[in-house]
Amino acid sequence: MDLKLTRPICFFDLETTGTNVAKDRIVEISILKVFPNGNKESKTWLVNPEMEIPQEVVAIHGISNEKVANEPTFKELSKEIYKMIKDSDLGGFNSDRFDIPLLAEELLRSDIDFDMKNTVSVDVQTIFHKKEKRTLEAAYKFYCDKELTDAHSAEADTTATYEVLLSQLERYPDLENNIKKLSEFSKRKQFVDFAGFIALDEEGEEVFSFGKHKGKKVHDVLEKEPGYFGWILNADFPLYTKKILTQIKLSKLNNKLS
């Protein structure tokens, strides 16, 4: 089976220094780009994160500080990586909650204005959990009847993710072989930012999903408590969340002026 594509999709996986989207860094990224004609292009990079990789994390993915000491930084690789993904939709395993948010942070830190306005994403883990509720290794065994012998290698995980999606499409007739439909099915909640600090309410308006203003409309909070905007910009929130909040604030201002 082949994916029915109208534009390329990039399946990707990250190995990182940790799980904090705002603070941690990429140490390995692997991308498998699948084109509408069935052609594939793949690339894997080791990355110097410019910070210490904790030993407990090294024990998981096997990428030591010494291994990446002489590798290029993400900023040095950013243009090449962005060139590969910029015309594509995105796919991954737990990608909506972790890989895409962290990739966005790295690109924004590298002065690349990354956003998802014209891009959809397919989270294969969400499809798996909605259907079977397991891990990537179990998914690979369940759907493909193969052992994932090199788990936590970005390249192996990326290839396994792609193969699992193809098998999911074969197994579940109700899953439409359409990237936009798969994206909608693999969404958990409708958030405006990747990290889930700003959501959409039933009316389709932006609301805060955390803290003392949880459930309140962003426009109302920024108007009644303008200092809250400054607090978020100066606090330890992801860059993409700050970017989205700034766009919301500017759109409100433009509406007032027009």
C-alpha atoms as a PDB file:
ATOM      1  CA  MET A   1       0.000   0.000   0.000  1.00  0.00           C
ATOM      2  CA  ASP A   2       1.094   3.567  -0.732  1.00  0.00           C
ATOM      3  CA  LEU A   3      -0.078   6.723   1.015  1.00  0.00           C
ATOM      4  CA  LYS A   4      -2.440   8.846  -1.074  1.00  0.00           C
ATOM      5  CA  LEU A   5      -0.663  12.174  -1.092  1.00  0.00           C
ATOM      6  CA  THR A   6      -1.313  15.517  -2.698  1.00  0.00           C
ATOM      7  CA  ARG A   7       1.944  16.932  -1.304  1.00  0.00           C
ATOM      8  CA  PRO A   8       5.006  15.385   0.364  1.00  0.00           C
ATOM      9  CA  ILE A   9       4.913  14.270   3.989  1.00  0.00           C
ATOM     10  CA  CYS A  10       7.980  14.162   6.232  1.00  0.00           C
ATOM     11  CA  PHE A  11       8.036  11.499   8.920  1.00  0.00           C
ATOM     12  CA  PHE A  12      10.617  12.441  11.516  1.00  0.00           C
ATOM     13  CA  ASP A  13      11.929  11.502  14.930  1.00  0.00           C
ATOM     14  CA  LEU A  14      14.111  13.317  17.444  1.00  0.00           C
ATOM     15  CA  GLU A  15      16.535  12.162  20.091  1.00  0.00           C
ATOM     16  CA  THR A  16      17.042  14.930  22.638  1.00  0.00           C
ATOM     17  CA  THR A  17      18.709  16.004  25.865  1.00  0.00           C
ATOM     18  CA  GLY A  18      15.401  15.613  27.733  1.00  0.00           C
ATOM     19  CA  THR A  19      11.652  16.166  27.558  1.00  0.00           C
ATOM     20  CA  ASN A  20      11.314  19.879  28.360  1.00  0.00           C
ATOM     21  CA  VAL A  21      10.199  21.504  25.091  1.00  0.00           C
ATOM     22  CA  ALA A  22      11.348  24.982  26.129  1.00  0.00           C
ATOM     23  CA  LYS A  23      14.759  24.018  27.530  1.00  0.00           C
ATOM     24  CA  ASP A  24      15.985  20.782  25.975  1.00  0.00           C
ATOM     25  CA  ARG A  25      17.768  20.398  22.651  1.00  0.00           C
ATOM     26  CA  ILE A  26      17.976  17.984  19.731  1.00  0.00           C
ATOM     27  CA  VAL A  27      20.939  15.593  19.554  1.00  0.00           C
ATOM     28  CA  GLU A  28      19.745  13.575  16.547  1.00  0.00           C
ATOM     29  CA  ILE A  29      17.070  14.115  13.903  1.00  0.00           C
ATOM     30  CA  SER A  30      16.023  11.712  11.188  1.00  0.00           C
ATOM     31  CA  ILE A  31      13.612  12.625   8.377  1.00  0.00           C
ATOM     32  CA  LEU A  32      11.945  10.323   5.858  1.00  0.00           C
ATOM     33  CA  LYS A  33      10.302  12.371   3.109  1.00  0.00           C
ATOM     34  CA  VAL A  34       7.643  10.564   1.066  1.00  0.00           C
ATOM     35  CA  PHE A  35       6.518  12.144  -2.219  1.00  0.00           C
ATOM     36  CA  PRO A  36       3.124  11.805  -3.948  1.00  0.00           C
ATOM     37  CA  ASN A  37       4.724   9.686  -6.698  1.00  0.00           C
ATOM     38  CA  GLY A  38       5.981   7.190  -4.091  1.00  0.00           C
ATOM     39  CA  ASN A  39       9.600   8.320  -4.136  1.00  0.00           C
ATOM     40  CA  LYS A  40      11.369   8.610  -0.789  1.00  0.00           C
ATOM     41  CA  GLU A  41      14.259  10.688   0.493  1.00  0.00           C
ATOM     42  CA  SER A  42      15.842  10.234   3.916  1.00  0.00           C
ATOM     43  CA  LYS A  43      18.446  12.050   5.961  1.00  0.00           C
ATOM     44  CA  THR A  44      19.780  11.715   9.513  1.00  0.00           C
ATOM     45  CA  TRP A  45      21.870  14.264  11.390  1.00  0.00           C
ATOM     46  CA  LEU A  46      23.716  14.112  14.697  1.00  0.00           C
ATOM     47  CA  VAL A  47      23.534  17.496  16.425  1.00  0.00           C
ATOM     48  CA  ASN A  48      25.712  19.220  18.994  1.00  0.00           C
ATOM     49  CA  PRO A  49      23.095  20.453  21.506  1.00  0.00           C
ATOM     50  CA  GLU A  50      25.501  22.966  23.078  1.00  0.00           C
ATOM     51  CA  MET A  51      24.527  21.646  26.494  1.00  0.00           C
ATOM     52  CA  GLU A  52      25.262  18.604  28.633  1.00  0.00           C
ATOM     53  CA  ILE A  53      23.330  15.425  27.817  1.00  0.00           C
ATOM     54  CA  PRO A  54      22.371  13.858  31.190  1.00  0.00           C
ATOM     55  CA  GLN A  55      23.721  10.342  31.699  1.00  0.00           C
ATOM     56  CA  GLU A  56      20.232   8.955  32.348  1.00  0.00           C
ATOM     57  CA  VAL A  57      19.230  10.219  28.887  1.00  0.00           C
ATOM     58  CA  VAL A  58      22.400   8.825  27.273  1.00  0.00           C
ATOM     59  CA  ALA A  59      21.412   5.450  28.752  1.00  0.00           C
ATOM     60  CA  ILE A  60      18.158   5.595  26.745  1.00  0.00           C
ATOM     61  CA  HIS A  61      19.324   6.631  23.261  1.00  0.00           C
ATOM     62  CA  GLY A  62      23.058   5.918  23.491  1.00  0.00           C
ATOM     63  CA  ILE A  63      24.166   9.310  22.173  1.00  0.00           C
ATOM     64  CA  SER A  64      26.925  10.570  24.453  1.00  0.00           C
ATOM     65  CA  ASN A  65      28.355  14.055  24.874  1.00  0.00           C
ATOM     66  CA  GLU A  66      31.588  12.837  23.245  1.00  0.00           C
ATOM     67  CA  LYS A  67      29.695  11.498  20.215  1.00  0.00           C
ATOM     68  CA  VAL A  68      28.197  14.887  19.342  1.00  0.00           C
ATOM     69  CA  ALA A  69      31.036  17.153  20.531  1.00  0.00           C
ATOM     70  CA  ASN A  70      32.310  17.772  16.986  1.00  0.00           C
ATOM     71  CA  GLU A  71      28.943  17.662  15.207  1.00  0.00           C
ATOM     72  CA  PRO A  72      27.283  20.823  13.820  1.00  0.00           C
ATOM     73  CA  THR A  73      24.846  22.761  15.992  1.00  0.00           C
ATOM     74  CA  PHE A  74      21.164  22.835  15.111  1.00  0.00           C
ATOM     75  CA  LYS A  75      21.493  26.439  13.969  1.00  0.00           C
ATOM     76  CA  GLU A  76      24.178  25.369  11.496  1.00  0.00           C
ATOM     77  CA  LEU A  77      21.873  22.634  10.165  1.00  0.00           C
ATOM     78  CA  SER A  78      18.611  24.574  10.403  1.00  0.00           C
ATOM     79  CA  LYS A  79      18.414  25.854   6.814  1.00  0.00           C
ATOM     80  CA  GLU A  80      19.063  22.384   5.376  1.00  0.00           C
ATOM     81  CA  ILE A  81      16.471  20.805   7.694  1.00  0.00           C
ATOM     82  CA  TYR A  82      13.878  23.497   7.002  1.00  0.00           C
ATOM     83  CA  LYS A  83      14.426  23.216   3.244  1.00  0.00           C
ATOM     84  CA  MET A  84      13.582  19.519   3.495  1.00  0.00           C
ATOM     85  CA  ILE A  85      10.331  19.977   5.444  1.00  0.00           C
ATOM     86  CA  LYS A  86       8.963  23.378   4.413  1.00  0.00           C
ATOM     87  CA  ASP A  87       6.814  22.108   1.510  1.00  0.00           C
ATOM     88  CA  SER A  88       5.548  19.058   3.408  1.00  0.00           C
ATOM     89  CA  ASP A  89       3.046  17.827   5.934  1.00  0.00           C
ATOM     90  CA  LEU A  90       4.543  16.181   9.033  1.00  0.00           C
ATOM     91  CA  GLY A  91       4.210  12.732  10.563  1.00  0.00           C
ATOM     92  CA  GLY A  92       5.629  11.098  13.651  1.00  0.00           C
ATOM     93  CA  PHE A  93       5.064   9.040  16.785  1.00  0.00           C
ATOM     94  CA  ASN A  94       3.937  11.326  19.650  1.00  0.00           C
ATOM     95  CA  SER A  95       4.943  14.128  17.292  1.00  0.00           C
ATOM     96  CA  ASP A  96       2.070  16.509  18.061  1.00  0.00           C
ATOM     97  CA  ARG A  97       2.916  16.630  21.766  1.00  0.00           C
ATOM     98  CA  PHE A  98       6.716  16.488  21.627  1.00  0.00           C
ATOM     99  CA  ASP A  99       8.655  16.281  18.346  1.00  0.00           C
ATOM    100  CA  ILE A 100       6.881  19.086  16.466  1.00  0.00           C
ATOM    101  CA  PRO A 101       6.884  21.502  19.466  1.00  0.00           C
ATOM    102  CA  LEU A 102      10.591  20.896  20.095  1.00  0.00           C
ATOM    103  CA  LEU A 103      11.494  21.166  16.407  1.00  0.00           C
ATOM    104  CA  ALA A 104       9.567  24.446  16.254  1.00  0.00           C
ATOM    105  CA  GLU A 105      11.543  25.782  19.227  1.00  0.00           C
ATOM    106  CA  GLU A 106      14.865  24.873  17.603  1.00  0.00           C
ATOM    107  CA  LEU A 107      13.869  26.487  14.289  1.00  0.00           C
ATOM    108  CA  LEU A 108      12.639  29.671  15.968  1.00  0.00           C
ATOM    109  CA  ARG A 109      15.869  29.882  17.980  1.00  0.00           C
ATOM    110  CA  SER A 110      17.672  29.620  14.641  1.00  0.00           C
ATOM    111  CA  ASP A 111      15.730  32.647  13.300  1.00  0.00           C
ATOM    112  CA  ILE A 112      13.541  30.543  10.998  1.00  0.00           C
ATOM    113  CA  ASP A 113       9.920  31.671  11.200  1.00  0.00           C
ATOM    114  CA  PHE A 114       8.358  28.209  11.401  1.00  0.00           C
ATOM    115  CA  ASP A 115       4.603  27.746  11.744  1.00  0.00           C
ATOM    116  CA  MET A 116       1.937  25.172  10.873  1.00  0.00           C
ATOM    117  CA  LYS A 117      -0.608  27.433   9.145  1.00  0.00           C
ATOM    118  CA  ASN A 118      -0.519  25.548   5.851  1.00  0.00           C
ATOM    119  CA  THR A 119       0.676  22.215   7.221  1.00  0.00           C
ATOM    120  CA  VAL A 120      -1.159  19.268   8.730  1.00  0.00           C
ATOM    121  CA  SER A 121       0.363  16.612  10.966  1.00  0.00           C
ATOM    122  CA  VAL A 122      -0.363  12.915  11.452  1.00  0.00           C
ATOM    123  CA  ASP A 123       0.462  11.523  14.888  1.00  0.00           C
ATOM    124  CA  VAL A 124       0.765   7.780  14.405  1.00  0.00           C
ATOM    125  CA  GLN A 125       0.872   7.247  18.171  1.00  0.00           C
ATOM    126  CA  THR A 126      -2.577   8.799  18.579  1.00  0.00           C
ATOM    127  CA  ILE A 127      -4.025   6.529  15.889  1.00  0.00           C
ATOM    128  CA  PHE A 128      -2.358   3.580  17.619  1.00  0.00           C
ATOM    129  CA  HIS A 129      -3.615   4.558  21.080  1.00  0.00           C
ATOM    130  CA  LYS A 130      -7.141   5.149  19.830  1.00  0.00           C
ATOM    131  CA  LYS A 131      -7.109   1.727  18.224  1.00  0.00           C
ATOM    132  CA  GLU A 132      -4.820  -0.420  20.401  1.00  0.00           C
ATOM    133  CA  LYS A 133      -3.178   1.702  23.169  1.00  0.00           C
ATOM    134  CA  ARG A 134       0.456   0.501  23.187  1.00  0.00           C
ATOM    135  CA  THR A 135       4.064   1.711  22.621  1.00  0.00           C
ATOM    136  CA  LEU A 136       6.050   2.059  19.361  1.00  0.00           C
ATOM    137  CA  GLU A 137       7.811  -1.296  19.891  1.00  0.00           C
ATOM    138  CA  ALA A 138       4.449  -2.985  20.538  1.00  0.00           C
ATOM    139  CA  ALA A 139       2.900  -1.137  17.587  1.00  0.00           C
ATOM    140  CA  TYR A 140       5.664  -2.338  15.294  1.00  0.00           C
ATOM    141  CA  LYS A 141       5.209  -5.929  16.478  1.00  0.00           C
ATOM    142  CA  PHE A 142       1.397  -5.730  16.372  1.00  0.00           C
ATOM    143  CA  TYR A 143       1.000  -4.082  12.969  1.00  0.00           C
ATOM    144  CA  CYS A 144       4.126  -5.192  11.099  1.00  0.00           C
ATOM    145  CA  ASP A 145       4.973  -8.424  12.965  1.00  0.00           C
ATOM    146  CA  LYS A 146       8.573  -7.242  13.323  1.00  0.00           C
ATOM    147  CA  GLU A 147      10.833  -6.636  16.304  1.00  0.00           C
ATOM    148  CA  LEU A 148      12.115  -3.070  16.716  1.00  0.00           C
ATOM    149  CA  THR A 149      15.643  -4.146  17.577  1.00  0.00           C
ATOM    150  CA  ASP A 150      17.206  -0.671  17.463  1.00  0.00           C
ATOM    151  CA  ALA A 151      14.591   1.283  19.450  1.00  0.00           C
ATOM    152  CA  HIS A 152      15.535   4.868  20.433  1.00  0.00           C
ATOM    153  CA  SER A 153      17.653   5.215  17.313  1.00  0.00           C
ATOM    154  CA  ALA A 154      16.059   8.123  15.450  1.00  0.00           C
ATOM    155  CA  GLU A 155      16.485   6.417  12.065  1.00  0.00           C
ATOM    156  CA  ALA A 156      15.003   3.090  13.204  1.00  0.00           C
ATOM    157  CA  ASP A 157      12.088   4.791  14.986  1.00  0.00           C
ATOM    158  CA  THR A 158      11.371   6.972  11.940  1.00  0.00           C
ATOM    159  CA  THR A 159      11.236   4.015   9.542  1.00  0.00           C
ATOM    160  CA  ALA A 160       9.134   1.981  11.994  1.00  0.00           C
ATOM    161  CA  THR A 161       6.665   4.872  12.357  1.00  0.00           C
ATOM    162  CA  TYR A 162       6.185   5.075   8.583  1.00  0.00           C
ATOM    163  CA  GLU A 163       5.694   1.308   8.276  1.00  0.00           C
ATOM    164  CA  VAL A 164       3.215   1.276  11.180  1.00  0.00           C
ATOM    165  CA  LEU A 165       1.058   3.942   9.497  1.00  0.00           C
ATOM    166  CA  LEU A 166       0.920   1.940   6.266  1.00  0.00           C
ATOM    167  CA  SER A 167      -0.107  -1.146   8.239  1.00  0.00           C
ATOM    168  CA  GLN A 168      -2.732   0.846  10.160  1.00  0.00           C
ATOM    169  CA  LEU A 169      -4.293   1.900   6.852  1.00  0.00           C
ATOM    170  CA  GLU A 170      -4.420  -1.714   5.724  1.00  0.00           C
ATOM    171  CA  ARG A 171      -5.861  -2.961   9.027  1.00  0.00           C
ATOM    172  CA  TYR A 172      -8.571  -0.325   9.581  1.00  0.00           C
ATOM    173  CA  PRO A 173     -10.872   0.200   6.575  1.00  0.00           C
ATOM    174  CA  ASP A 174     -12.476   3.190   8.320  1.00  0.00           C
ATOM    175  CA  LEU A 175      -9.154   5.081   8.269  1.00  0.00           C
ATOM    176  CA  GLU A 176      -9.151   7.126   5.074  1.00  0.00           C
ATOM    177  CA  ASN A 177      -5.889   7.170   3.128  1.00  0.00           C
ATOM    178  CA  ASN A 178      -5.820  10.943   3.137  1.00  0.00           C
ATOM    179  CA  ILE A 179      -3.257  12.980   5.084  1.00  0.00           C
ATOM    180  CA  LYS A 180      -5.720  15.696   6.102  1.00  0.00           C
ATOM    181  CA  LYS A 181      -8.220  13.108   7.400  1.00  0.00           C
ATOM    182  CA  LEU A 182      -5.446  11.210   9.209  1.00  0.00           C
ATOM    183  CA  SER A 183      -4.314  14.491  10.754  1.00  0.00           C
ATOM    184  CA  GLU A 184      -7.820  15.182  12.033  1.00  0.00           C
ATOM    185  CA  PHE A 185      -8.142  11.654  13.429  1.00  0.00           C
ATOM    186  CA  SER A 186      -4.777  11.799  15.193  1.00  0.00           C
ATOM    187  CA  LYS A 187      -5.465  15.119  16.906  1.00  0.00           C
ATOM    188  CA  ARG A 188      -6.079  14.923  20.674  1.00  0.00           C
ATOM    189  CA  LYS A 189      -7.334  18.419  21.468  1.00  0.00           C
ATOM    190  CA  GLN A 190      -7.577  21.570  19.448  1.00  0.00           C
ATOM    191  CA  PHE A 191      -4.737  23.803  20.597  1.00  0.00           C
ATOM    192  CA  VAL A 192      -3.468  26.950  18.924  1.00  0.00           C
ATOM    193  CA  ASP A 193       0.103  26.502  20.110  1.00  0.00           C
ATOM    194  CA  PHE A 194       2.056  23.240  20.106  1.00  0.00           C
ATOM    195  CA  ALA A 195       2.592  23.047  23.870  1.00  0.00           C
ATOM    196  CA  GLY A 196      -1.107  23.320  24.687  1.00  0.00           C
ATOM    197  CA  PHE A 197      -1.143  26.583  26.663  1.00  0.00           C
ATOM    198  CA  ILE A 198      -3.685  28.199  24.314  1.00  0.00           C
ATOM    199  CA  ALA A 199      -6.727  26.234  23.154  1.00  0.00           C
ATOM    200  CA  LEU A 200      -9.872  26.901  21.144  1.00  0.00           C
ATOM    201  CA  ASP A 201     -13.244  26.947  22.897  1.00  0.00           C
ATOM    202  CA  GLU A 202     -16.543  25.728  21.441  1.00  0.00           C
ATOM    203  CA  GLU A 203     -16.950  29.073  19.683  1.00  0.00           C
ATOM    204  CA  GLY A 204     -13.549  28.740  18.034  1.00  0.00           C
ATOM    205  CA  GLU A 205     -11.974  31.526  20.108  1.00  0.00           C
ATOM    206  CA  GLU A 206      -8.584  31.349  21.798  1.00  0.00           C
ATOM    207  CA  VAL A 207      -8.650  30.607  25.547  1.00  0.00           C
ATOM    208  CA  PHE A 208      -5.897  29.984  28.093  1.00  0.00           C
ATOM    209  CA  SER A 209      -5.697  26.336  29.133  1.00  0.00           C
ATOM    210  CA  PHE A 210      -3.574  26.764  32.263  1.00  0.00           C
ATOM    211  CA  GLY A 211      -3.171  28.806  35.448  1.00  0.00           C
ATOM    212  CA  LYS A 212      -5.459  31.357  37.015  1.00  0.00           C
ATOM    213  CA  HIS A 213      -6.999  32.323  33.667  1.00  0.00           C
ATOM    214  CA  LYS A 214      -7.737  28.761  32.533  1.00  0.00           C
ATOM    215  CA  GLY A 215     -10.814  28.750  30.293  1.00  0.00           C
ATOM    216  CA  LYS A 216     -10.849  32.532  29.883  1.00  0.00           C
ATOM    217  CA  LYS A 217     -10.677  34.149  26.456  1.00  0.00           C
ATOM    218  CA  VAL A 218      -7.164  35.378  25.632  1.00  0.00           C
ATOM    219  CA  HIS A 219      -8.444  38.698  24.232  1.00  0.00           C
ATOM    220  CA  ASP A 220     -10.370  39.428  27.445  1.00  0.00           C
ATOM    221  CA  VAL A 221      -7.421  38.598  29.703  1.00  0.00           C
ATOM    222  CA  LEU A 222      -4.960  40.710  27.698  1.00  0.00           C
ATOM    223  CA  GLU A 223      -7.367  43.651  27.737  1.00  0.00           C
ATOM    224  CA  LYS A 224      -8.184  43.482  31.453  1.00  0.00           C
ATOM    225  CA  GLU A 225      -4.714  42.463  32.641  1.00  0.00           C
ATOM    226  CA  PRO A 226      -2.129  43.732  30.103  1.00  0.00           C
ATOM    227  CA  GLY A 227       0.750  42.817  32.414  1.00  0.00           C
ATOM    228  CA  TYR A 228      -0.063  39.135  31.918  1.00  0.00           C
ATOM    229  CA  PHE A 229       1.222  39.346  28.343  1.00  0.00           C
ATOM    230  CA  GLY A 230       4.572  40.706  29.524  1.00  0.00           C
ATOM    231  CA  TRP A 231       4.796  38.066  32.220  1.00  0.00           C
ATOM    232  CA  ILE A 232       4.391  35.251  29.684  1.00  0.00           C
ATOM    233  CA  LEU A 233       6.930  36.783  27.297  1.00  0.00           C
ATOM    234  CA  ASN A 234       9.528  36.997  30.079  1.00  0.00           C
ATOM    235  CA  ALA A 235       8.726  33.632  31.674  1.00  0.00           C
ATOM    236  CA  ASP A 236       9.930  30.179  30.690  1.00  0.00           C
ATOM    237  CA  PHE A 237       7.282  29.447  28.041  1.00  0.00           C
ATOM    238  CA  PRO A 238       8.062  27.935  24.607  1.00  0.00           C
ATOM    239  CA  LEU A 239       8.984  30.440  21.895  1.00  0.00           C
ATOM    240  CA  TYR A 240       6.145  29.227  19.682  1.00  0.00           C
ATOM    241  CA  THR A 241       3.602  29.900  22.449  1.00  0.00           C
ATOM    242  CA  LYS A 242       4.976  33.436  22.791  1.00  0.00           C
ATOM    243  CA  LYS A 243       4.799  33.883  19.024  1.00  0.00           C
ATOM    244  CA  ILE A 244       1.135  32.805  18.909  1.00  0.00           C
ATOM    245  CA  LEU A 245       0.225  35.014  21.868  1.00  0.00           C
ATOM    246  CA  THR A 246       1.887  37.997  20.181  1.00  0.00           C
ATOM    247  CA  GLN A 247      -0.067  37.308  16.971  1.00  0.00           C
ATOM    248  CA  ILE A 248      -3.334  37.228  18.949  1.00  0.00           C
ATOM    249  CA  LYS A 249      -2.486  40.497  20.674  1.00  0.00           C
ATOM    250  CA  LEU A 250      -1.548  42.183  17.392  1.00  0.00           C
ATOM    251  CA  SER A 251      -4.706  40.964  15.644  1.00  0.00           C
ATOM    252  CA  LYS A 252      -6.813  42.478  18.433  1.00  0.00           C
ATOM    253  CA  LEU A 253      -4.896  45.753  18.091  1.00  0.00           C
ATOM    254  CA  ASN A 254      -5.309  45.771  14.303  1.00  0.00           C
ATOM    255  CA  ASN A 255      -9.049  45.157  14.665  1.00  0.00           C
ATOM    256  CA  LYS A 256      -9.331  48.189  16.927  1.00  0.00           C
ATOM    257  CA  LEU A 257      -7.435  50.389  14.481  1.00  0.00           C
ATOM    258  CA  SER A 258      -9.360  49.253  11.391  1.00  0.00           C
END
